[in-house]
Amino acid sequence: MLFLIMASLLAFAGSVLVYLASSQQRLLCRPLPGRAARWAGAALEGAALLLLLQCRSPATAVFMLVTFLMAAWSFTPLFIALIFSRRTP
């Protein structure tokens, strides 16, 4: 269970780093340096996959990670847009 929680946190942190490296992100004034942030995000996502492989079969671990990343990359921009739309008149 601890591996699943840690993998989720690492995958979310990695997806946020990849999002913040995008030129279309709305959280920071300027995007993070693209190459470094993307590599750091990929490293965190790889670490999440390694943790998932400790408690699930390889196919299940990969599909769990891909599903989590899909959800994170879909809902993170939405939540950020909702937060900033309430702050600006």
N, C-alpha and C. Protein backbone atom coordinates (compact mmCIF):
# COMPACT_ATOMS: atom_id res chain seq x y z
N MET A 1 0.82 -1.19 0.00
CA MET A 1 0.00 0.00 0.00
C MET A 1 0.86 1.26 0.00
N LEU A 2 1.94 1.24 0.75
CA LEU A 2 2.84 2.39 0.80
C LEU A 2 3.48 2.63 -0.56
N PHE A 3 3.80 1.54 -1.28
CA PHE A 3 4.37 1.69 -2.62
C PHE A 3 3.39 2.38 -3.56
N LEU A 4 2.11 2.08 -3.44
CA LEU A 4 1.11 2.70 -4.30
C LEU A 4 0.97 4.19 -4.01
N ILE A 5 0.99 4.54 -2.73
CA ILE A 5 0.87 5.95 -2.37
C ILE A 5 2.09 6.72 -2.84
N MET A 6 3.28 6.18 -2.61
CA MET A 6 4.51 6.85 -3.04
C MET A 6 4.57 6.95 -4.56
N ALA A 7 4.16 5.90 -5.25
CA ALA A 7 4.15 5.94 -6.72
C ALA A 7 3.18 7.00 -7.23
N SER A 8 2.04 7.14 -6.58
CA SER A 8 1.08 8.16 -6.98
C SER A 8 1.64 9.56 -6.78
N LEU A 9 2.29 9.78 -5.65
CA LEU A 9 2.89 11.09 -5.39
C LEU A 9 4.00 11.41 -6.38
N LEU A 10 4.85 10.43 -6.66
CA LEU A 10 5.94 10.65 -7.63
C LEU A 10 5.39 10.90 -9.03
N ALA A 11 4.39 10.14 -9.42
CA ALA A 11 3.81 10.32 -10.75
C ALA A 11 3.14 11.68 -10.86
N PHE A 12 2.45 12.12 -9.81
CA PHE A 12 1.82 13.43 -9.86
C PHE A 12 2.86 14.54 -9.92
N ALA A 13 3.93 14.41 -9.12
CA ALA A 13 4.99 15.42 -9.16
C ALA A 13 5.64 15.46 -10.54
N GLY A 14 5.86 14.30 -11.15
CA GLY A 14 6.44 14.25 -12.49
C GLY A 14 5.52 14.87 -13.52
N SER A 15 4.23 14.62 -13.41
CA SER A 15 3.30 15.20 -14.38
C SER A 15 3.20 16.71 -14.21
N VAL A 16 3.29 17.20 -12.99
CA VAL A 16 3.27 18.65 -12.77
C VAL A 16 4.53 19.29 -13.34
N LEU A 17 5.67 18.65 -13.19
CA LEU A 17 6.91 19.19 -13.77
C LEU A 17 6.82 19.27 -15.29
N VAL A 18 6.29 18.23 -15.91
CA VAL A 18 6.14 18.25 -17.36
C VAL A 18 5.15 19.34 -17.76
N TYR A 19 4.08 19.51 -16.99
CA TYR A 19 3.11 20.57 -17.29
C TYR A 19 3.76 21.94 -17.17
N LEU A 20 4.55 22.15 -16.11
CA LEU A 20 5.17 23.45 -15.90
C LEU A 20 6.24 23.77 -16.94
N ALA A 21 6.72 22.77 -17.66
CA ALA A 21 7.68 23.02 -18.73
C ALA A 21 7.00 23.42 -20.03
N SER A 22 5.69 23.30 -20.09
CA SER A 22 4.95 23.64 -21.30
C SER A 22 4.82 25.15 -21.44
N SER A 23 4.86 25.62 -22.67
CA SER A 23 4.69 27.06 -22.90
C SER A 23 3.24 27.49 -22.68
N GLN A 24 2.31 26.56 -22.63
CA GLN A 24 0.89 26.87 -22.45
C GLN A 24 0.45 26.82 -20.98
N GLN A 25 1.36 26.56 -20.05
CA GLN A 25 0.98 26.46 -18.65
C GLN A 25 0.58 27.82 -18.11
N ARG A 26 -0.31 27.83 -17.13
CA ARG A 26 -0.85 29.08 -16.58
C ARG A 26 -0.52 29.27 -15.10
N LEU A 27 0.29 28.41 -14.52
CA LEU A 27 0.56 28.49 -13.09
C LEU A 27 1.68 29.47 -12.77
N LEU A 28 2.73 29.46 -13.56
CA LEU A 28 3.88 30.33 -13.36
C LEU A 28 3.90 31.43 -14.41
N CYS A 29 4.62 32.50 -14.13
CA CYS A 29 4.73 33.59 -15.11
C CYS A 29 5.46 33.12 -16.36
N ARG A 30 6.51 32.34 -16.17
CA ARG A 30 7.28 31.78 -17.29
C ARG A 30 7.40 30.29 -17.09
N PRO A 31 7.42 29.52 -18.17
CA PRO A 31 7.59 28.07 -18.00
C PRO A 31 8.97 27.72 -17.47
N LEU A 32 9.06 26.58 -16.83
CA LEU A 32 10.35 26.08 -16.37
C LEU A 32 11.24 25.79 -17.57
N PRO A 33 12.55 25.77 -17.38
CA PRO A 33 13.43 25.38 -18.50
C PRO A 33 13.02 24.00 -19.02
N GLY A 34 12.65 23.96 -20.30
CA GLY A 34 12.00 22.80 -20.88
C GLY A 34 12.71 21.48 -20.72
N ARG A 35 13.95 21.42 -21.14
CA ARG A 35 14.65 20.13 -21.16
C ARG A 35 14.87 19.60 -19.74
N ALA A 36 15.30 20.45 -18.84
CA ALA A 36 15.59 19.99 -17.47
C ALA A 36 14.31 19.55 -16.75
N ALA A 37 13.25 20.32 -16.90
CA ALA A 37 11.99 19.97 -16.22
C ALA A 37 11.40 18.69 -16.80
N ARG A 38 11.48 18.55 -18.11
CA ARG A 38 10.93 17.32 -18.71
C ARG A 38 11.72 16.10 -18.30
N TRP A 39 13.05 16.21 -18.24
CA TRP A 39 13.86 15.07 -17.79
C TRP A 39 13.60 14.75 -16.33
N ALA A 40 13.45 15.78 -15.50
CA ALA A 40 13.15 15.53 -14.08
C ALA A 40 11.78 14.88 -13.93
N GLY A 41 10.80 15.35 -14.71
CA GLY A 41 9.48 14.73 -14.67
C GLY A 41 9.51 13.29 -15.13
N ALA A 42 10.27 13.03 -16.20
CA ALA A 42 10.38 11.66 -16.68
C ALA A 42 11.08 10.77 -15.65
N ALA A 43 12.06 11.32 -14.95
CA ALA A 43 12.75 10.54 -13.92
C ALA A 43 11.80 10.20 -12.77
N LEU A 44 10.98 11.16 -12.37
CA LEU A 44 10.00 10.89 -11.31
C LEU A 44 8.97 9.86 -11.76
N GLU A 45 8.55 9.95 -13.01
CA GLU A 45 7.59 8.97 -13.52
C GLU A 45 8.22 7.59 -13.63
N GLY A 46 9.51 7.53 -13.99
CA GLY A 46 10.22 6.26 -14.01
C GLY A 46 10.35 5.66 -12.61
N ALA A 47 10.61 6.53 -11.62
CA ALA A 47 10.68 6.05 -10.24
C ALA A 47 9.31 5.54 -9.78
N ALA A 48 8.25 6.21 -10.21
CA ALA A 48 6.90 5.74 -9.87
C ALA A 48 6.65 4.37 -10.49
N LEU A 49 7.11 4.18 -11.73
CA LEU A 49 6.94 2.88 -12.37
C LEU A 49 7.71 1.80 -11.62
N LEU A 50 8.91 2.10 -11.18
CA LEU A 50 9.69 1.12 -10.41
C LEU A 50 8.98 0.75 -9.11
N LEU A 51 8.38 1.73 -8.46
CA LEU A 51 7.64 1.41 -7.24
C LEU A 51 6.41 0.56 -7.54
N LEU A 52 5.72 0.88 -8.62
CA LEU A 52 4.55 0.07 -8.99
C LEU A 52 4.94 -1.36 -9.34
N LEU A 53 6.10 -1.53 -9.95
CA LEU A 53 6.56 -2.87 -10.32
C LEU A 53 6.87 -3.72 -9.10
N GLN A 54 7.06 -3.09 -7.94
CA GLN A 54 7.34 -3.84 -6.72
C GLN A 54 6.09 -4.56 -6.20
N CYS A 55 4.92 -4.04 -6.54
CA CYS A 55 3.71 -4.64 -5.96
C CYS A 55 2.68 -5.08 -7.00
N ARG A 56 2.94 -4.86 -8.27
CA ARG A 56 2.00 -5.27 -9.32
C ARG A 56 2.78 -5.94 -10.45
N SER A 57 2.07 -6.64 -11.31
CA SER A 57 2.72 -7.24 -12.48
C SER A 57 3.12 -6.13 -13.45
N PRO A 58 4.06 -6.42 -14.35
CA PRO A 58 4.53 -5.36 -15.26
C PRO A 58 3.43 -4.71 -16.08
N ALA A 59 2.55 -5.49 -16.65
CA ALA A 59 1.48 -4.91 -17.47
C ALA A 59 0.55 -4.05 -16.63
N THR A 60 0.20 -4.54 -15.45
CA THR A 60 -0.68 -3.78 -14.57
C THR A 60 -0.02 -2.49 -14.12
N ALA A 61 1.28 -2.55 -13.80
CA ALA A 61 1.99 -1.37 -13.35
C ALA A 61 2.05 -0.31 -14.44
N VAL A 62 2.33 -0.72 -15.66
CA VAL A 62 2.40 0.24 -16.77
C VAL A 62 1.04 0.86 -17.02
N PHE A 63 -0.01 0.06 -17.05
CA PHE A 63 -1.35 0.61 -17.28
C PHE A 63 -1.81 1.49 -16.14
N MET A 64 -1.44 1.16 -14.90
CA MET A 64 -1.78 2.02 -13.78
C MET A 64 -1.09 3.37 -13.91
N LEU A 65 0.18 3.37 -14.28
CA LEU A 65 0.91 4.62 -14.42
C LEU A 65 0.36 5.46 -15.57
N VAL A 66 0.10 4.84 -16.70
CA VAL A 66 -0.41 5.57 -17.85
C VAL A 66 -1.79 6.15 -17.55
N THR A 67 -2.63 5.40 -16.86
CA THR A 67 -3.95 5.91 -16.50
C THR A 67 -3.84 7.07 -15.53
N PHE A 68 -2.95 6.95 -14.57
CA PHE A 68 -2.76 8.04 -13.61
C PHE A 68 -2.24 9.29 -14.30
N LEU A 69 -1.26 9.13 -15.19
CA LEU A 69 -0.72 10.29 -15.90
C LEU A 69 -1.77 10.93 -16.80
N MET A 70 -2.59 10.11 -17.43
CA MET A 70 -3.66 10.66 -18.27
C MET A 70 -4.61 11.51 -17.43
N ALA A 71 -4.97 11.01 -16.27
CA ALA A 71 -5.86 11.77 -15.39
C ALA A 71 -5.18 13.04 -14.88
N ALA A 72 -3.93 12.93 -14.49
CA ALA A 72 -3.22 14.10 -13.97
C ALA A 72 -3.06 15.17 -15.04
N TRP A 73 -2.68 14.77 -16.25
CA TRP A 73 -2.51 15.75 -17.32
C TRP A 73 -3.83 16.30 -17.82
N SER A 74 -4.92 15.63 -17.57
CA SER A 74 -6.23 16.14 -17.96
C SER A 74 -6.81 17.09 -16.92
N PHE A 75 -6.67 16.75 -15.64
CA PHE A 75 -7.34 17.53 -14.60
C PHE A 75 -6.48 18.64 -14.01
N THR A 76 -5.16 18.54 -14.05
CA THR A 76 -4.32 19.60 -13.50
C THR A 76 -4.56 20.93 -14.20
N PRO A 77 -4.52 21.01 -15.54
CA PRO A 77 -4.81 22.30 -16.19
C PRO A 77 -6.23 22.80 -15.91
N LEU A 78 -7.18 21.88 -15.80
CA LEU A 78 -8.55 22.27 -15.51
C LEU A 78 -8.66 22.91 -14.13
N PHE A 79 -8.07 22.29 -13.12
CA PHE A 79 -8.13 22.84 -11.78
C PHE A 79 -7.39 24.17 -11.68
N ILE A 80 -6.26 24.29 -12.37
CA ILE A 80 -5.52 25.56 -12.36
C ILE A 80 -6.35 26.65 -13.02
N ALA A 81 -7.01 26.33 -14.12
CA ALA A 81 -7.86 27.31 -14.79
C ALA A 81 -9.03 27.72 -13.89
N LEU A 82 -9.61 26.78 -13.16
CA LEU A 82 -10.71 27.12 -12.26
C LEU A 82 -10.24 28.00 -11.11
N ILE A 83 -9.07 27.74 -10.58
CA ILE A 83 -8.55 28.55 -9.48
C ILE A 83 -8.27 29.97 -9.95
N PHE A 84 -7.63 30.12 -11.12
CA PHE A 84 -7.29 31.46 -11.60
C PHE A 84 -8.50 32.21 -12.13
N SER A 85 -9.53 31.53 -12.56
CA SER A 85 -10.72 32.25 -13.03
C SER A 85 -11.47 32.87 -11.87
N ARG A 86 -11.36 32.30 -10.68
CA ARG A 86 -12.02 32.87 -9.51
C ARG A 86 -11.23 34.05 -8.94
N ARG A 87 -9.91 34.08 -9.15
CA ARG A 87 -9.09 35.15 -8.61
C ARG A 87 -9.14 36.40 -9.46
N THR A 88 -9.40 36.27 -10.75
CA THR A 88 -9.45 37.45 -11.61
C THR A 88 -10.90 37.83 -11.86
N PRO A 89 -11.21 39.14 -11.85
CA PRO A 89 -12.61 39.55 -12.05
C PRO A 89 -13.08 39.37 -13.46
